[in-house]
Structures are given as structure tokens and as C-alpha cells.
Amino acid sequence: MPHFSASTIVLIIIAALLLFGPQRLPELGRAVGRTFRELKSGAKEIVGGDEEPQASSQSRKEIRSDETGR
């Protein structure tokens, strides 16, 4: 992941102010935040979706073994 210096971040902020204006910047920030949250939750669903059926089948095996006494 790239590392940005303080001067690079300030330059990006100034460019964003010039491009979008101070009125639209908070709205743009909220939209970017929502997008990152949705991507993160989607990634968790994909990763968690693969593990979920295995965990439930494992718990079913444990319940069956408890019922049969094995």
C-alpha cells in the first residue's frame, strides 16, 4: 500500500476543493465512506459465506454424536 507524505495529502485536499468546491466535499466524503462500508461488508459476506456452511455441518455432526453417545 502506498504511503503518502503530509504534503501529498494536503495537495490532494486542495485539488479536491478546486474540483468539487467546498459545498460538495462533505457529500462526496459521505458517499465514499458508504461505498467503503458496503465493500467491506460484502467482502465479509463472501469470506464468511464460505465458512458458515462448514461450521453448521460441523455443529450438526456434534449434535448427532451427542444424541447417539459416540
C-alpha atoms as a PDB file:
ATOM      1  CA  MET A   1       0.000   0.000   0.000  1.00  0.00           C
ATOM      2  CA  PRO A   2       1.432   3.386  -0.911  1.00  0.00           C
ATOM      3  CA  HIS A   3       2.498   5.743   1.835  1.00  0.00           C
ATOM      4  CA  PHE A   4       1.613   9.406   1.408  1.00  0.00           C
ATOM      5  CA  SER A   5       3.540  12.226   2.990  1.00  0.00           C
ATOM      6  CA  ALA A   6       1.767  15.147   4.627  1.00  0.00           C
ATOM      7  CA  SER A   7       2.481  17.423   1.666  1.00  0.00           C
ATOM      8  CA  THR A   8       0.911  14.893  -0.730  1.00  0.00           C
ATOM      9  CA  ILE A   9      -2.248  14.686   1.360  1.00  0.00           C
ATOM     10  CA  VAL A  10      -2.514  18.496   1.523  1.00  0.00           C
ATOM     11  CA  LEU A  11      -2.083  18.678  -2.262  1.00  0.00           C
ATOM     12  CA  ILE A  12      -4.854  16.094  -2.770  1.00  0.00           C
ATOM     13  CA  ILE A  13      -7.192  18.057  -0.463  1.00  0.00           C
ATOM     14  CA  ILE A  14      -6.501  21.316  -2.319  1.00  0.00           C
ATOM     15  CA  ALA A  15      -7.129  19.617  -5.671  1.00  0.00           C
ATOM     16  CA  ALA A  16     -10.414  18.159  -4.370  1.00  0.00           C
ATOM     17  CA  LEU A  17     -11.511  21.603  -3.150  1.00  0.00           C
ATOM     18  CA  LEU A  18     -10.759  23.098  -6.539  1.00  0.00           C
ATOM     19  CA  LEU A  19     -12.524  20.332  -8.452  1.00  0.00           C
ATOM     20  CA  PHE A  20     -15.640  19.865  -6.336  1.00  0.00           C
ATOM     21  CA  GLY A  21     -15.950  23.037  -4.289  1.00  0.00           C
ATOM     22  CA  PRO A  22     -16.458  23.309  -0.540  1.00  0.00           C
ATOM     23  CA  GLN A  23     -20.226  22.700  -0.732  1.00  0.00           C
ATOM     24  CA  ARG A  24     -19.983  19.279  -2.400  1.00  0.00           C
ATOM     25  CA  LEU A  25     -16.983  17.949  -0.460  1.00  0.00           C
ATOM     26  CA  PRO A  26     -18.901  16.699   2.647  1.00  0.00           C
ATOM     27  CA  GLU A  27     -21.425  14.950   0.400  1.00  0.00           C
ATOM     28  CA  LEU A  28     -18.612  13.343  -1.571  1.00  0.00           C
ATOM     29  CA  GLY A  29     -16.913  12.191   1.637  1.00  0.00           C
ATOM     30  CA  ARG A  30     -20.111  10.564   2.889  1.00  0.00           C
ATOM     31  CA  ALA A  31     -20.606   8.774  -0.429  1.00  0.00           C
ATOM     32  CA  VAL A  32     -17.037   7.449  -0.373  1.00  0.00           C
ATOM     33  CA  GLY A  33     -17.482   6.296   3.236  1.00  0.00           C
ATOM     34  CA  ARG A  34     -20.712   4.460   2.402  1.00  0.00           C
ATOM     35  CA  THR A  35     -19.050   2.804  -0.569  1.00  0.00           C
ATOM     36  CA  PHE A  36     -16.141   1.555   1.544  1.00  0.00           C
ATOM     37  CA  ARG A  37     -18.546   0.248   4.211  1.00  0.00           C
ATOM     38  CA  GLU A  38     -20.581  -1.638   1.595  1.00  0.00           C
ATOM     39  CA  LEU A  39     -17.455  -3.118   0.029  1.00  0.00           C
ATOM     40  CA  LYS A  40     -16.177  -4.192   3.443  1.00  0.00           C
ATOM     41  CA  SER A  41     -19.466  -5.827   4.428  1.00  0.00           C
ATOM     42  CA  GLY A  42     -19.695  -7.524   1.022  1.00  0.00           C
ATOM     43  CA  ALA A  43     -16.199  -8.903   1.417  1.00  0.00           C
ATOM     44  CA  LYS A  44     -17.066 -10.184   4.891  1.00  0.00           C
ATOM     45  CA  GLU A  45     -20.169 -11.913   3.495  1.00  0.00           C
ATOM     46  CA  ILE A  46     -18.123 -13.586   0.781  1.00  0.00           C
ATOM     47  CA  VAL A  47     -15.420 -14.748   3.185  1.00  0.00           C
ATOM     48  CA  GLY A  48     -17.899 -15.612   5.931  1.00  0.00           C
ATOM     49  CA  GLY A  49     -20.244 -17.299   3.464  1.00  0.00           C
ATOM     50  CA  ASP A  50     -17.659 -19.959   2.712  1.00  0.00           C
ATOM     51  CA  GLU A  51     -17.060 -20.713   6.391  1.00  0.00           C
ATOM     52  CA  GLU A  52     -20.703 -20.647   7.515  1.00  0.00           C
ATOM     53  CA  PRO A  53     -21.896 -23.936   5.946  1.00  0.00           C
ATOM     54  CA  GLN A  54     -18.833 -25.779   7.225  1.00  0.00           C
ATOM     55  CA  ALA A  55     -19.450 -24.547  10.760  1.00  0.00           C
ATOM     56  CA  SER A  56     -23.119 -25.540  10.652  1.00  0.00           C
ATOM     57  CA  SER A  57     -22.324 -29.007   9.276  1.00  0.00           C
ATOM     58  CA  GLN A  58     -19.691 -29.439  11.996  1.00  0.00           C
ATOM     59  CA  SER A  59     -22.203 -28.486  14.683  1.00  0.00           C
ATOM     60  CA  ARG A  60     -24.716 -30.941  13.206  1.00  0.00           C
ATOM     61  CA  LYS A  61     -22.137 -33.714  13.474  1.00  0.00           C
ATOM     62  CA  GLU A  62     -21.506 -32.803  17.114  1.00  0.00           C
ATOM     63  CA  ILE A  63     -25.234 -32.838  17.912  1.00  0.00           C
ATOM     64  CA  ARG A  64     -25.680 -36.229  16.239  1.00  0.00           C
ATOM     65  CA  SER A  65     -22.720 -37.699  18.086  1.00  0.00           C
ATOM     66  CA  ASP A  66     -24.121 -36.400  21.391  1.00  0.00           C
ATOM     67  CA  GLU A  67     -27.507 -37.943  20.684  1.00  0.00           C
ATOM     68  CA  THR A  68     -26.039 -41.335  19.800  1.00  0.00           C
ATOM     69  CA  GLY A  69     -23.497 -41.277  22.598  1.00  0.00           C
ATOM     70  CA  ARG A  70     -20.486 -41.651  20.301  1.00  0.00           C
END
